[in-house]
Amino acid sequence: MKQTTTANTPATPLYNAYHVAEATNGKRWIRIGTVFAHEDGQGANLILDALPFNFDGRVVLRTPKSE
């Protein structure tokens, strides 16, 4: 699958996708995928790396933090 690239640089994700699970000590944020913009700027692809157990259908998208 082709992702958005410019001048031979890797695509920069718009968002990381998370499943927020209830845990005994609060909530657990589990990264399940990434969102990349289309080259024409008119949409995006959500690439899922995993589907959580007991998935409730909600995916939370958050801007990636620089590492």
PDB file of N, CA and C in Angstrom:
ATOM      1  N   MET A   1       0.845  -1.176   0.000  1.00  0.00           N
ATOM      2  CA  MET A   1       0.000   0.000   0.000  1.00  0.00           C
ATOM      3  C   MET A   1       0.889   1.237   0.000  1.00  0.00           C
ATOM      4  N   LYS A   2       0.647   2.171  -0.911  1.00  0.00           N
ATOM      5  CA  LYS A   2       1.459   3.372  -1.026  1.00  0.00           C
ATOM      6  C   LYS A   2       0.996   4.424  -0.035  1.00  0.00           C
ATOM      7  N   GLN A   3       1.952   5.023   0.661  1.00  0.00           N
ATOM      8  CA  GLN A   3       1.661   6.101   1.596  1.00  0.00           C
ATOM      9  C   GLN A   3       2.128   7.427   1.006  1.00  0.00           C
ATOM     10  N   THR A   4       1.674   8.532   1.583  1.00  0.00           N
ATOM     11  CA  THR A   4       2.066   9.849   1.124  1.00  0.00           C
ATOM     12  C   THR A   4       3.558  10.061   1.350  1.00  0.00           C
ATOM     13  N   THR A   5       4.270  10.477   0.315  1.00  0.00           N
ATOM     14  CA  THR A   5       5.684  10.802   0.454  1.00  0.00           C
ATOM     15  C   THR A   5       5.984  12.071  -0.322  1.00  0.00           C
ATOM     16  N   THR A   6       7.013  12.787   0.093  1.00  0.00           N
ATOM     17  CA  THR A   6       7.461  13.963  -0.633  1.00  0.00           C
ATOM     18  C   THR A   6       8.977  13.908  -0.726  1.00  0.00           C
ATOM     19  N   ALA A   7       9.507  14.091  -1.920  1.00  0.00           N
ATOM     20  CA  ALA A   7      10.951  14.122  -2.169  1.00  0.00           C
ATOM     21  C   ALA A   7      11.683  12.949  -1.518  1.00  0.00           C
ATOM     22  N   ASN A   8      11.151  11.742  -1.711  1.00  0.00           N
ATOM     23  CA  ASN A   8      11.775  10.515  -1.209  1.00  0.00           C
ATOM     24  C   ASN A   8      11.913  10.451   0.313  1.00  0.00           C
ATOM     25  N   THR A   9      11.067  11.181   1.046  1.00  0.00           N
ATOM     26  CA  THR A   9      11.061  11.079   2.502  1.00  0.00           C
ATOM     27  C   THR A   9       9.862  10.238   2.921  1.00  0.00           C
ATOM     28  N   PRO A  10       9.977   9.518   4.033  1.00  0.00           N
ATOM     29  CA  PRO A  10       8.842   8.690   4.468  1.00  0.00           C
ATOM     30  C   PRO A  10       7.626   9.543   4.829  1.00  0.00           C
ATOM     31  N   ALA A  11       6.471   8.942   4.718  1.00  0.00           N
ATOM     32  CA  ALA A  11       5.227   9.625   5.078  1.00  0.00           C
ATOM     33  C   ALA A  11       5.220   9.950   6.567  1.00  0.00           C
ATOM     34  N   THR A  12       4.688  11.111   6.884  1.00  0.00           N
ATOM     35  CA  THR A  12       4.538  11.519   8.277  1.00  0.00           C
ATOM     36  C   THR A  12       3.104  11.222   8.691  1.00  0.00           C
ATOM     37  N   PRO A  13       2.916  10.466   9.764  1.00  0.00           N
ATOM     38  CA  PRO A  13       1.541  10.164  10.186  1.00  0.00           C
ATOM     39  C   PRO A  13       0.834  11.407  10.706  1.00  0.00           C
ATOM     40  N   LEU A  14      -0.460  11.523  10.372  1.00  0.00           N
ATOM     41  CA  LEU A  14      -1.284  12.597  10.919  1.00  0.00           C
ATOM     42  C   LEU A  14      -1.645  12.304  12.367  1.00  0.00           C
ATOM     43  N   TYR A  15      -2.015  11.041  12.609  1.00  0.00           N
ATOM     44  CA  TYR A  15      -2.472  10.626  13.930  1.00  0.00           C
ATOM     45  C   TYR A  15      -2.008   9.212  14.229  1.00  0.00           C
ATOM     46  N   ASN A  16      -1.953   8.889  15.502  1.00  0.00           N
ATOM     47  CA  ASN A  16      -1.843   7.503  15.952  1.00  0.00           C
ATOM     48  C   ASN A  16      -3.238   7.094  16.409  1.00  0.00           C
ATOM     49  N   ALA A  17      -3.595   5.854  16.170  1.00  0.00           N
ATOM     50  CA  ALA A  17      -4.909   5.332  16.546  1.00  0.00           C
ATOM     51  C   ALA A  17      -4.768   4.484  17.814  1.00  0.00           C
ATOM     52  N   TYR A  18      -5.678   4.704  18.758  1.00  0.00           N
ATOM     53  CA  TYR A  18      -5.637   4.006  20.042  1.00  0.00           C
ATOM     54  C   TYR A  18      -6.986   3.400  20.389  1.00  0.00           C
ATOM     55  N   HIS A  19      -6.938   2.308  21.132  1.00  0.00           N
ATOM     56  CA  HIS A  19      -8.097   1.746  21.812  1.00  0.00           C
ATOM     57  C   HIS A  19      -7.883   2.081  23.277  1.00  0.00           C
ATOM     58  N   VAL A  20      -8.877   2.695  23.908  1.00  0.00           N
ATOM     59  CA  VAL A  20      -8.772   3.047  25.324  1.00  0.00           C
ATOM     60  C   VAL A  20      -9.523   1.996  26.127  1.00  0.00           C
ATOM     61  N   ALA A  21      -8.777   1.220  26.911  1.00  0.00           N
ATOM     62  CA  ALA A  21      -9.355   0.103  27.667  1.00  0.00           C
ATOM     63  C   ALA A  21      -9.441   0.458  29.143  1.00  0.00           C
ATOM     64  N   GLU A  22     -10.537   0.025  29.765  1.00  0.00           N
ATOM     65  CA  GLU A  22     -10.676   0.190  31.215  1.00  0.00           C
ATOM     66  C   GLU A  22      -9.738  -0.789  31.914  1.00  0.00           C
ATOM     67  N   ALA A  23      -9.038  -0.315  32.932  1.00  0.00           N
ATOM     68  CA  ALA A  23      -8.133  -1.161  33.710  1.00  0.00           C
ATOM     69  C   ALA A  23      -8.395  -0.904  35.186  1.00  0.00           C
ATOM     70  N   THR A  24      -7.884  -1.762  36.038  1.00  0.00           N
ATOM     71  CA  THR A  24      -8.124  -1.615  37.481  1.00  0.00           C
ATOM     72  C   THR A  24      -7.532  -0.322  38.028  1.00  0.00           C
ATOM     73  N   ASN A  25      -6.487   0.188  37.395  1.00  0.00           N
ATOM     74  CA  ASN A  25      -5.856   1.423  37.878  1.00  0.00           C
ATOM     75  C   ASN A  25      -6.128   2.611  36.949  1.00  0.00           C
ATOM     76  N   GLY A  26      -7.231   2.597  36.249  1.00  0.00           N
ATOM     77  CA  GLY A  26      -7.589   3.696  35.349  1.00  0.00           C
ATOM     78  C   GLY A  26      -7.800   3.206  33.929  1.00  0.00           C
ATOM     79  N   LYS A  27      -7.345   3.992  32.973  1.00  0.00           N
ATOM     80  CA  LYS A  27      -7.501   3.641  31.562  1.00  0.00           C
ATOM     81  C   LYS A  27      -6.141   3.316  30.958  1.00  0.00           C
ATOM     82  N   ARG A  28      -6.145   2.338  30.030  1.00  0.00           N
ATOM     83  CA  ARG A  28      -4.934   1.975  29.287  1.00  0.00           C
ATOM     84  C   ARG A  28      -5.101   2.410  27.850  1.00  0.00           C
ATOM     85  N   TRP A  29      -4.125   3.133  27.326  1.00  0.00           N
ATOM     86  CA  TRP A  29      -4.134   3.557  25.935  1.00  0.00           C
ATOM     87  C   TRP A  29      -3.277   2.577  25.158  1.00  0.00           C
ATOM     88  N   ILE A  30      -3.897   1.847  24.230  1.00  0.00           N
ATOM     89  CA  ILE A  30      -3.211   0.807  23.471  1.00  0.00           C
ATOM     90  C   ILE A  30      -3.165   1.261  22.008  1.00  0.00           C
ATOM     91  N   ARG A  31      -1.953   1.480  21.498  1.00  0.00           N
ATOM     92  CA  ARG A  31      -1.815   1.928  20.113  1.00  0.00           C
ATOM     93  C   ARG A  31      -2.141   0.769  19.177  1.00  0.00           C
ATOM     94  N   ILE A  32      -3.079   1.015  18.249  1.00  0.00           N
ATOM     95  CA  ILE A  32      -3.512  -0.039  17.341  1.00  0.00           C
ATOM     96  C   ILE A  32      -3.294   0.307  15.868  1.00  0.00           C
ATOM     97  N   GLY A  33      -2.834   1.524  15.582  1.00  0.00           N
ATOM     98  CA  GLY A  33      -2.625   1.876  14.184  1.00  0.00           C
ATOM     99  C   GLY A  33      -2.175   3.302  13.980  1.00  0.00           C
ATOM    100  N   THR A  34      -2.188   3.722  12.699  1.00  0.00           N
ATOM    101  CA  THR A  34      -1.700   5.033  12.298  1.00  0.00           C
ATOM    102  C   THR A  34      -2.571   5.565  11.162  1.00  0.00           C
ATOM    103  N   VAL A  35      -2.689   6.900  11.084  1.00  0.00           N
ATOM    104  CA  VAL A  35      -3.451   7.560  10.020  1.00  0.00           C
ATOM    105  C   VAL A  35      -2.480   8.364   9.155  1.00  0.00           C
ATOM    106  N   PHE A  36      -2.566   8.147   7.822  1.00  0.00           N
ATOM    107  CA  PHE A  36      -1.742   8.873   6.865  1.00  0.00           C
ATOM    108  C   PHE A  36      -2.649   9.628   5.903  1.00  0.00           C
ATOM    109  N   ALA A  37      -2.274  10.871   5.549  1.00  0.00           N
ATOM    110  CA  ALA A  37      -3.055  11.693   4.623  1.00  0.00           C
ATOM    111  C   ALA A  37      -2.899  11.198   3.195  1.00  0.00           C
ATOM    112  N   HIS A  38      -3.945  11.356   2.396  1.00  0.00           N
ATOM    113  CA  HIS A  38      -3.864  11.102   0.963  1.00  0.00           C
ATOM    114  C   HIS A  38      -3.035  12.216   0.327  1.00  0.00           C
ATOM    115  N   GLU A  39      -2.391  11.913  -0.789  1.00  0.00           N
ATOM    116  CA  GLU A  39      -1.561  12.901  -1.478  1.00  0.00           C
ATOM    117  C   GLU A  39      -2.356  14.123  -1.918  1.00  0.00           C
ATOM    118  N   ASP A  40      -3.638  13.935  -2.253  1.00  0.00           N
ATOM    119  CA  ASP A  40      -4.446  15.069  -2.723  1.00  0.00           C
ATOM    120  C   ASP A  40      -5.049  15.893  -1.588  1.00  0.00           C
ATOM    121  N   GLY A  41      -4.809  15.487  -0.339  1.00  0.00           N
ATOM    122  CA  GLY A  41      -5.316  16.232   0.806  1.00  0.00           C
ATOM    123  C   GLY A  41      -6.808  16.083   1.037  1.00  0.00           C
ATOM    124  N   GLN A  42      -7.467  15.153   0.342  1.00  0.00           N
ATOM    125  CA  GLN A  42      -8.915  15.016   0.420  1.00  0.00           C
ATOM    126  C   GLN A  42      -9.374  13.841   1.280  1.00  0.00           C
ATOM    127  N   GLY A  43      -8.476  13.242   2.022  1.00  0.00           N
ATOM    128  CA  GLY A  43      -8.859  12.110   2.857  1.00  0.00           C
ATOM    129  C   GLY A  43      -7.636  11.520   3.539  1.00  0.00           C
ATOM    130  N   ALA A  44      -7.817  10.353   4.110  1.00  0.00           N
ATOM    131  CA  ALA A  44      -6.732   9.702   4.842  1.00  0.00           C
ATOM    132  C   ALA A  44      -6.963   8.203   4.888  1.00  0.00           C
ATOM    133  N   ASN A  45      -5.891   7.459   5.137  1.00  0.00           N
ATOM    134  CA  ASN A  45      -5.963   6.014   5.351  1.00  0.00           C
ATOM    135  C   ASN A  45      -5.699   5.723   6.815  1.00  0.00           C
ATOM    136  N   LEU A  46      -6.554   4.898   7.397  1.00  0.00           N
ATOM    137  CA  LEU A  46      -6.339   4.376   8.745  1.00  0.00           C
ATOM    138  C   LEU A  46      -5.769   2.975   8.581  1.00  0.00           C
ATOM    139  N   ILE A  47      -4.522   2.780   8.989  1.00  0.00           N
ATOM    140  CA  ILE A  47      -3.858   1.483   8.881  1.00  0.00           C
ATOM    141  C   ILE A  47      -3.876   0.859  10.277  1.00  0.00           C
ATOM    142  N   LEU A  48      -4.631  -0.216  10.445  1.00  0.00           N
ATOM    143  CA  LEU A  48      -4.722  -0.884  11.739  1.00  0.00           C
ATOM    144  C   LEU A  48      -3.691  -2.008  11.823  1.00  0.00           C
ATOM    145  N   ASP A  49      -2.916  -2.000  12.896  1.00  0.00           N
ATOM    146  CA  ASP A  49      -1.936  -3.049  13.157  1.00  0.00           C
ATOM    147  C   ASP A  49      -2.526  -4.147  14.033  1.00  0.00           C
ATOM    148  N   ALA A  50      -3.607  -3.829  14.746  1.00  0.00           N
ATOM    149  CA  ALA A  50      -4.227  -4.785  15.655  1.00  0.00           C
ATOM    150  C   ALA A  50      -5.677  -4.385  15.897  1.00  0.00           C
ATOM    151  N   LEU A  51      -6.493  -5.369  16.240  1.00  0.00           N
ATOM    152  CA  LEU A  51      -7.844  -5.122  16.725  1.00  0.00           C
ATOM    153  C   LEU A  51      -7.904  -5.629  18.150  1.00  0.00           C
ATOM    154  N   PRO A  52      -8.313  -4.781  19.079  1.00  0.00           N
ATOM    155  CA  PRO A  52      -8.303  -5.169  20.484  1.00  0.00           C
ATOM    156  C   PRO A  52      -9.377  -6.198  20.833  1.00  0.00           C
ATOM    157  N   PHE A  53      -9.096  -6.981  21.849  1.00  0.00           N
ATOM    158  CA  PHE A  53     -10.059  -7.894  22.439  1.00  0.00           C
ATOM    159  C   PHE A  53     -11.124  -7.051  23.130  1.00  0.00           C
ATOM    160  N   ASN A  54     -12.377  -7.440  23.072  1.00  0.00           N
ATOM    161  CA  ASN A  54     -13.500  -6.683  23.651  1.00  0.00           C
ATOM    162  C   ASN A  54     -13.607  -5.279  23.056  1.00  0.00           C
ATOM    163  N   PHE A  55     -13.366  -5.167  21.753  1.00  0.00           N
ATOM    164  CA  PHE A  55     -13.409  -3.881  21.053  1.00  0.00           C
ATOM    165  C   PHE A  55     -14.824  -3.335  21.047  1.00  0.00           C
ATOM    166  N   ASP A  56     -14.992  -2.072  21.458  1.00  0.00           N
ATOM    167  CA  ASP A  56     -16.320  -1.459  21.527  1.00  0.00           C
ATOM    168  C   ASP A  56     -16.654  -0.625  20.288  1.00  0.00           C
ATOM    169  N   GLY A  57     -15.756  -0.623  19.291  1.00  0.00           N
ATOM    170  CA  GLY A  57     -16.015   0.109  18.061  1.00  0.00           C
ATOM    171  C   GLY A  57     -15.448   1.512  18.047  1.00  0.00           C
ATOM    172  N   ARG A  58     -14.907   1.979  19.155  1.00  0.00           N
ATOM    173  CA  ARG A  58     -14.375   3.337  19.220  1.00  0.00           C
ATOM    174  C   ARG A  58     -12.869   3.317  19.025  1.00  0.00           C
ATOM    175  N   VAL A  59     -12.393   4.180  18.119  1.00  0.00           N
ATOM    176  CA  VAL A  59     -10.967   4.375  17.889  1.00  0.00           C
ATOM    177  C   VAL A  59     -10.669   5.827  18.188  1.00  0.00           C
ATOM    178  N   VAL A  60      -9.680   6.099  19.042  1.00  0.00           N
ATOM    179  CA  VAL A  60      -9.286   7.458  19.398  1.00  0.00           C
ATOM    180  C   VAL A  60      -8.063   7.828  18.569  1.00  0.00           C
ATOM    181  N   LEU A  61      -8.124   8.986  17.888  1.00  0.00           N
ATOM    182  CA  LEU A  61      -7.004   9.471  17.097  1.00  0.00           C
ATOM    183  C   LEU A  61      -6.342  10.640  17.813  1.00  0.00           C
ATOM    184  N   ARG A  62      -5.011  10.547  17.950  1.00  0.00           N
ATOM    185  CA  ARG A  62      -4.245  11.589  18.634  1.00  0.00           C
ATOM    186  C   ARG A  62      -3.030  11.961  17.788  1.00  0.00           C
ATOM    187  N   THR A  63      -2.670  13.231  17.795  1.00  0.00           N
ATOM    188  CA  THR A  63      -1.483  13.694  17.083  1.00  0.00           C
ATOM    189  C   THR A  63      -0.241  13.008  17.657  1.00  0.00           C
ATOM    190  N   PRO A  64       0.630  12.470  16.786  1.00  0.00           N
ATOM    191  CA  PRO A  64       1.837  11.816  17.298  1.00  0.00           C
ATOM    192  C   PRO A  64       2.750  12.817  17.994  1.00  0.00           C
ATOM    193  N   LYS A  65       3.382  12.371  19.059  1.00  0.00           N
ATOM    194  CA  LYS A  65       4.379  13.190  19.763  1.00  0.00           C
ATOM    195  C   LYS A  65       5.744  12.820  19.225  1.00  0.00           C
ATOM    196  N   SER A  66       6.608  13.802  19.054  1.00  0.00           N
ATOM    197  CA  SER A  66       7.963  13.501  18.568  1.00  0.00           C
ATOM    198  C   SER A  66       8.703  12.694  19.613  1.00  0.00           C
ATOM    199  N   GLU A  67       9.485  11.738  19.134  1.00  0.00           N
ATOM    200  CA  GLU A  67      10.158  10.822  20.062  1.00  0.00           C
ATOM    201  C   GLU A  67      11.562  11.252  20.352  1.00  0.00           C
TER     202      GLU A  67
END
